[in-house]
Amino acid sequence: MPGQLLNSWKEISRYVGRGVRTVQRWEQELGFPVRRPRGHERSAVIAFTDEIDHWLAAAKLRREGRDQLVQRVTVHTVQQNRALLAQRTEFLADNLQAVQQQLTRAIQLGAQLARKARTI
């Protein structure tokens, strides 16, 4: 047995606690359950409260599922970024050591060249 019949956008929006434009957008973009008895796109609408309740519950489940997915993806991304950061830090530390060795060698060679230049 269907729920209570709602006969206008105003009644429907009041039932869900949102504005008329919001509910109309939900219909266009998200498949909100309204019926058009005349079958025309711009004709009057009706809706049954049990169908709306079912749609809202499903939307809540979709939203909760999306939120859980976002949380899992975020945790996964943080873990990946932490591992990548550790690798890059190790790479930079190794390169810093190599650069320091090259700099030390360049200073030694510069000192040797300076001594030879004085003797010439």
N, C-alpha and C. Protein backbone atom coordinates (compact mmCIF):
# COMPACT_ATOMS: atom_id res chain seq x y z
N MET A 1 0.85 -1.18 0.00
CA MET A 1 0.00 0.00 0.00
C MET A 1 0.89 1.24 0.00
N PRO A 2 0.67 2.16 -0.94
CA PRO A 2 1.51 3.34 -1.01
C PRO A 2 1.30 4.25 0.20
N GLY A 3 2.31 5.06 0.45
CA GLY A 3 2.22 6.02 1.56
C GLY A 3 1.28 7.15 1.22
N GLN A 4 1.38 8.19 1.98
CA GLN A 4 0.54 9.37 1.78
C GLN A 4 0.87 10.02 0.44
N LEU A 5 -0.14 10.54 -0.22
CA LEU A 5 0.03 11.20 -1.51
C LEU A 5 0.32 12.67 -1.28
N LEU A 6 1.39 13.16 -1.94
CA LEU A 6 1.73 14.59 -1.91
C LEU A 6 1.43 15.15 -3.29
N ASN A 7 0.74 16.30 -3.35
CA ASN A 7 0.18 16.78 -4.61
C ASN A 7 0.89 17.97 -5.26
N SER A 8 1.98 18.43 -4.74
CA SER A 8 2.64 19.58 -5.36
C SER A 8 4.10 19.62 -4.93
N TRP A 9 4.86 20.42 -5.65
CA TRP A 9 6.26 20.61 -5.27
C TRP A 9 6.35 21.16 -3.85
N LYS A 10 5.43 22.04 -3.51
CA LYS A 10 5.44 22.65 -2.18
C LYS A 10 5.24 21.59 -1.10
N GLU A 11 4.27 20.71 -1.29
CA GLU A 11 4.03 19.65 -0.31
C GLU A 11 5.22 18.70 -0.23
N ILE A 12 5.77 18.36 -1.39
CA ILE A 12 6.92 17.45 -1.43
C ILE A 12 8.12 18.07 -0.72
N SER A 13 8.41 19.33 -1.03
CA SER A 13 9.56 19.99 -0.42
C SER A 13 9.37 20.15 1.09
N ARG A 14 8.16 20.44 1.51
CA ARG A 14 7.87 20.54 2.94
C ARG A 14 8.10 19.19 3.62
N TYR A 15 7.70 18.11 2.96
CA TYR A 15 7.85 16.77 3.53
C TYR A 15 9.32 16.42 3.76
N VAL A 16 10.18 16.77 2.80
CA VAL A 16 11.60 16.42 2.93
C VAL A 16 12.41 17.50 3.64
N GLY A 17 11.79 18.65 3.91
CA GLY A 17 12.48 19.71 4.64
C GLY A 17 13.51 20.46 3.81
N ARG A 18 13.24 20.57 2.53
CA ARG A 18 14.14 21.30 1.63
C ARG A 18 13.30 22.24 0.78
N GLY A 19 13.98 23.14 0.07
CA GLY A 19 13.27 24.06 -0.81
C GLY A 19 12.77 23.39 -2.07
N VAL A 20 11.81 24.04 -2.70
CA VAL A 20 11.23 23.51 -3.94
C VAL A 20 12.31 23.32 -5.00
N ARG A 21 13.17 24.31 -5.20
CA ARG A 21 14.21 24.21 -6.24
C ARG A 21 15.17 23.05 -5.95
N THR A 22 15.47 22.84 -4.68
CA THR A 22 16.36 21.72 -4.33
C THR A 22 15.74 20.39 -4.72
N VAL A 23 14.46 20.22 -4.40
CA VAL A 23 13.78 18.96 -4.72
C VAL A 23 13.66 18.80 -6.24
N GLN A 24 13.40 19.88 -6.95
CA GLN A 24 13.33 19.81 -8.41
C GLN A 24 14.69 19.43 -8.99
N ARG A 25 15.77 19.97 -8.42
CA ARG A 25 17.11 19.62 -8.89
C ARG A 25 17.39 18.14 -8.59
N TRP A 26 16.95 17.66 -7.41
CA TRP A 26 17.12 16.24 -7.09
C TRP A 26 16.43 15.36 -8.12
N GLU A 27 15.25 15.80 -8.56
CA GLU A 27 14.54 15.02 -9.57
C GLU A 27 15.35 14.96 -10.86
N GLN A 28 15.84 16.09 -11.30
CA GLN A 28 16.57 16.15 -12.57
C GLN A 28 17.90 15.43 -12.51
N GLU A 29 18.64 15.63 -11.42
CA GLU A 29 20.01 15.14 -11.36
C GLU A 29 20.17 13.80 -10.65
N LEU A 30 19.27 13.50 -9.72
CA LEU A 30 19.48 12.32 -8.87
C LEU A 30 18.35 11.31 -8.90
N GLY A 31 17.33 11.56 -9.72
CA GLY A 31 16.24 10.59 -9.84
C GLY A 31 15.27 10.58 -8.67
N PHE A 32 15.04 11.73 -8.06
CA PHE A 32 14.08 11.83 -6.96
C PHE A 32 12.72 11.34 -7.46
N PRO A 33 12.01 10.52 -6.66
CA PRO A 33 10.80 9.84 -7.15
C PRO A 33 9.54 10.71 -7.15
N VAL A 34 9.31 11.38 -8.23
CA VAL A 34 8.03 12.08 -8.42
C VAL A 34 7.37 11.50 -9.65
N ARG A 35 6.07 11.68 -9.73
CA ARG A 35 5.32 11.20 -10.90
C ARG A 35 4.60 12.39 -11.52
N ARG A 36 4.45 12.31 -12.82
CA ARG A 36 3.74 13.33 -13.57
C ARG A 36 2.55 12.65 -14.24
N PRO A 37 1.37 12.82 -13.63
CA PRO A 37 0.19 12.11 -14.14
C PRO A 37 -0.10 12.39 -15.61
N ARG A 38 0.17 13.57 -16.07
CA ARG A 38 -0.10 13.89 -17.48
C ARG A 38 1.03 13.45 -18.39
N GLY A 39 2.15 13.07 -17.80
CA GLY A 39 3.25 12.55 -18.60
C GLY A 39 4.11 13.60 -19.28
N HIS A 40 3.83 14.87 -19.04
CA HIS A 40 4.62 15.93 -19.67
C HIS A 40 5.70 16.39 -18.70
N GLU A 41 6.80 16.82 -19.28
CA GLU A 41 7.94 17.24 -18.47
C GLU A 41 7.60 18.38 -17.52
N ARG A 42 6.76 19.31 -17.94
CA ARG A 42 6.46 20.48 -17.12
C ARG A 42 5.07 20.42 -16.47
N SER A 43 4.50 19.23 -16.41
CA SER A 43 3.17 19.12 -15.82
C SER A 43 3.25 19.01 -14.29
N ALA A 44 2.10 19.02 -13.66
CA ALA A 44 2.02 18.90 -12.20
C ALA A 44 2.65 17.59 -11.75
N VAL A 45 3.08 17.57 -10.49
CA VAL A 45 3.72 16.37 -9.96
C VAL A 45 2.96 15.85 -8.75
N ILE A 46 3.13 14.55 -8.52
CA ILE A 46 2.67 13.92 -7.29
C ILE A 46 3.80 13.02 -6.81
N ALA A 47 3.76 12.68 -5.54
CA ALA A 47 4.75 11.75 -5.00
C ALA A 47 4.13 11.02 -3.82
N PHE A 48 4.64 9.83 -3.54
CA PHE A 48 4.19 9.05 -2.40
C PHE A 48 5.28 9.08 -1.33
N THR A 49 4.86 9.28 -0.10
CA THR A 49 5.82 9.43 0.99
C THR A 49 6.68 8.18 1.19
N ASP A 50 6.12 6.99 0.97
CA ASP A 50 6.93 5.78 1.16
C ASP A 50 8.04 5.69 0.11
N GLU A 51 7.77 6.13 -1.12
CA GLU A 51 8.81 6.14 -2.16
C GLU A 51 9.89 7.17 -1.83
N ILE A 52 9.45 8.31 -1.33
CA ILE A 52 10.43 9.35 -0.94
C ILE A 52 11.29 8.83 0.21
N ASP A 53 10.67 8.22 1.21
CA ASP A 53 11.42 7.69 2.35
C ASP A 53 12.45 6.66 1.89
N HIS A 54 12.03 5.79 0.97
CA HIS A 54 12.94 4.77 0.44
C HIS A 54 14.11 5.44 -0.30
N TRP A 55 13.80 6.44 -1.13
CA TRP A 55 14.84 7.15 -1.89
C TRP A 55 15.81 7.85 -0.95
N LEU A 56 15.28 8.52 0.09
CA LEU A 56 16.15 9.22 1.05
C LEU A 56 17.05 8.23 1.79
N ALA A 57 16.50 7.08 2.19
CA ALA A 57 17.31 6.07 2.89
C ALA A 57 18.42 5.55 1.99
N ALA A 58 18.09 5.30 0.72
CA ALA A 58 19.11 4.83 -0.23
C ALA A 58 20.17 5.90 -0.46
N ALA A 59 19.73 7.16 -0.55
CA ALA A 59 20.68 8.26 -0.74
C ALA A 59 21.62 8.35 0.46
N LYS A 60 21.06 8.14 1.66
CA LYS A 60 21.89 8.18 2.87
C LYS A 60 22.92 7.06 2.83
N LEU A 61 22.51 5.86 2.41
CA LEU A 61 23.45 4.74 2.30
C LEU A 61 24.53 5.03 1.27
N ARG A 62 24.13 5.62 0.12
CA ARG A 62 25.11 5.98 -0.90
C ARG A 62 26.10 6.99 -0.35
N ARG A 63 25.59 7.99 0.38
CA ARG A 63 26.45 9.04 0.94
C ARG A 63 27.41 8.44 1.97
N GLU A 64 26.88 7.56 2.85
CA GLU A 64 27.73 6.93 3.85
C GLU A 64 28.78 6.05 3.19
N GLY A 65 28.37 5.31 2.16
CA GLY A 65 29.33 4.48 1.42
C GLY A 65 30.40 5.32 0.76
N ARG A 66 29.99 6.45 0.16
CA ARG A 66 30.94 7.37 -0.46
C ARG A 66 31.90 7.92 0.58
N ASP A 67 31.38 8.30 1.75
CA ASP A 67 32.22 8.84 2.81
C ASP A 67 33.23 7.79 3.29
N GLN A 68 32.78 6.54 3.41
CA GLN A 68 33.69 5.48 3.82
C GLN A 68 34.76 5.25 2.76
N LEU A 69 34.35 5.30 1.49
CA LEU A 69 35.30 5.12 0.41
C LEU A 69 36.32 6.25 0.43
N VAL A 70 35.86 7.48 0.61
CA VAL A 70 36.78 8.62 0.68
C VAL A 70 37.75 8.44 1.83
N GLN A 71 37.25 7.98 2.97
CA GLN A 71 38.12 7.76 4.13
C GLN A 71 39.16 6.69 3.82
N ARG A 72 38.74 5.57 3.19
CA ARG A 72 39.70 4.52 2.85
C ARG A 72 40.73 5.02 1.85
N VAL A 73 40.26 5.75 0.84
CA VAL A 73 41.18 6.28 -0.16
C VAL A 73 42.15 7.26 0.49
N THR A 74 41.65 8.10 1.40
CA THR A 74 42.50 9.07 2.07
C THR A 74 43.57 8.37 2.90
N VAL A 75 43.18 7.35 3.67
CA VAL A 75 44.15 6.61 4.47
C VAL A 75 45.18 5.95 3.56
N HIS A 76 44.71 5.35 2.47
CA HIS A 76 45.63 4.70 1.53
C HIS A 76 46.59 5.72 0.93
N THR A 77 46.08 6.88 0.55
CA THR A 77 46.91 7.92 -0.04
C THR A 77 47.95 8.41 0.97
N VAL A 78 47.55 8.59 2.21
CA VAL A 78 48.50 9.03 3.24
C VAL A 78 49.60 7.98 3.41
N GLN A 79 49.22 6.71 3.43
CA GLN A 79 50.22 5.65 3.58
C GLN A 79 51.19 5.64 2.39
N GLN A 80 50.64 5.81 1.18
CA GLN A 80 51.50 5.86 -0.01
C GLN A 80 52.43 7.06 0.05
N ASN A 81 51.90 8.20 0.43
CA ASN A 81 52.71 9.41 0.49
C ASN A 81 53.80 9.29 1.55
N ARG A 82 53.48 8.66 2.68
CA ARG A 82 54.48 8.46 3.74
C ARG A 82 55.63 7.59 3.22
N ALA A 83 55.29 6.51 2.51
CA ALA A 83 56.32 5.63 1.96
C ALA A 83 57.16 6.36 0.92
N LEU A 84 56.50 7.12 0.06
CA LEU A 84 57.22 7.88 -0.96
C LEU A 84 58.13 8.92 -0.33
N LEU A 85 57.64 9.59 0.69
CA LEU A 85 58.45 10.58 1.39
C LEU A 85 59.68 9.94 2.02
N ALA A 86 59.51 8.76 2.60
CA ALA A 86 60.65 8.05 3.20
C ALA A 86 61.68 7.70 2.13
N GLN A 87 61.23 7.24 0.97
CA GLN A 87 62.15 6.91 -0.12
C GLN A 87 62.91 8.14 -0.59
N ARG A 88 62.19 9.23 -0.76
CA ARG A 88 62.83 10.46 -1.25
C ARG A 88 63.79 11.03 -0.22
N THR A 89 63.45 10.91 1.05
CA THR A 89 64.34 11.39 2.10
C THR A 89 65.63 10.58 2.09
N GLU A 90 65.51 9.27 1.94
CA GLU A 90 66.70 8.42 1.87
C GLU A 90 67.54 8.77 0.65
N PHE A 91 66.89 8.98 -0.49
CA PHE A 91 67.60 9.35 -1.72
C PHE A 91 68.35 10.67 -1.53
N LEU A 92 67.67 11.66 -0.94
CA LEU A 92 68.32 12.96 -0.73
C LEU A 92 69.48 12.85 0.26
N ALA A 93 69.33 12.04 1.30
CA ALA A 93 70.41 11.86 2.27
C ALA A 93 71.63 11.23 1.59
N ASP A 94 71.39 10.22 0.74
CA ASP A 94 72.50 9.59 0.01
C ASP A 94 73.17 10.60 -0.92
N ASN A 95 72.39 11.39 -1.63
CA ASN A 95 72.94 12.37 -2.55
C ASN A 95 73.68 13.48 -1.81
N LEU A 96 73.19 13.86 -0.65
CA LEU A 96 73.86 14.89 0.15
C LEU A 96 75.24 14.40 0.55
N GLN A 97 75.33 13.16 0.94
CA GLN A 97 76.62 12.59 1.31
C GLN A 97 77.57 12.60 0.12
N ALA A 98 77.09 12.24 -1.06
CA ALA A 98 77.92 12.23 -2.26
C ALA A 98 78.36 13.65 -2.62
N VAL A 99 77.47 14.61 -2.50
CA VAL A 99 77.81 16.00 -2.81
C VAL A 99 78.86 16.52 -1.82
N GLN A 100 78.70 16.17 -0.55
CA GLN A 100 79.68 16.60 0.45
C GLN A 100 81.06 16.02 0.14
N GLN A 101 81.11 14.77 -0.29
CA GLN A 101 82.39 14.15 -0.65
C GLN A 101 83.01 14.85 -1.85
N GLN A 102 82.18 15.17 -2.85
CA GLN A 102 82.70 15.87 -4.04
C GLN A 102 83.18 17.26 -3.69
N LEU A 103 82.47 17.93 -2.81
CA LEU A 103 82.87 19.27 -2.38
C LEU A 103 84.19 19.22 -1.63
N THR A 104 84.33 18.26 -0.75
CA THR A 104 85.59 18.09 -0.01
C THR A 104 86.73 17.84 -0.99
N ARG A 105 86.50 16.98 -1.98
CA ARG A 105 87.55 16.69 -2.98
C ARG A 105 87.87 17.94 -3.80
N ALA A 106 86.85 18.73 -4.17
CA ALA A 106 87.08 19.96 -4.94
C ALA A 106 87.90 20.96 -4.12
N ILE A 107 87.63 21.06 -2.84
CA ILE A 107 88.39 21.98 -1.99
C ILE A 107 89.85 21.53 -1.90
N GLN A 108 90.05 20.23 -1.76
CA GLN A 108 91.42 19.71 -1.71
C GLN A 108 92.16 19.99 -3.01
N LEU A 109 91.50 19.75 -4.15
CA LEU A 109 92.13 20.02 -5.45
C LEU A 109 92.41 21.51 -5.61
N GLY A 110 91.46 22.37 -5.14
CA GLY A 110 91.70 23.81 -5.21
C GLY A 110 92.91 24.22 -4.40
N ALA A 111 93.08 23.62 -3.23
CA ALA A 111 94.25 23.93 -2.38
C ALA A 111 95.53 23.47 -3.05
N GLN A 112 95.51 22.28 -3.67
CA GLN A 112 96.70 21.79 -4.37
C GLN A 112 97.06 22.70 -5.53
N LEU A 113 96.05 23.14 -6.28
CA LEU A 113 96.30 24.04 -7.42
C LEU A 113 96.86 25.37 -6.92
N ALA A 114 96.35 25.86 -5.82
CA ALA A 114 96.84 27.14 -5.28
C ALA A 114 98.30 27.01 -4.87
N ARG A 115 98.69 25.89 -4.25
CA ARG A 115 100.08 25.69 -3.85
C ARG A 115 100.98 25.62 -5.07
N LYS A 116 100.55 24.91 -6.12
CA LYS A 116 101.35 24.80 -7.34
C LYS A 116 101.48 26.15 -8.03
N ALA A 117 100.38 26.95 -7.99
CA ALA A 117 100.42 28.26 -8.63
C ALA A 117 101.43 29.18 -7.91
N ARG A 118 101.58 29.04 -6.63
CA ARG A 118 102.55 29.87 -5.89
C ARG A 118 103.99 29.48 -6.21
N THR A 119 104.19 28.22 -6.51
CA THR A 119 105.55 27.76 -6.80
C THR A 119 105.97 28.09 -8.22
N ILE A 120 105.07 28.43 -9.04
CA ILE A 120 105.41 28.72 -10.45
C ILE A 120 105.84 30.13 -10.61
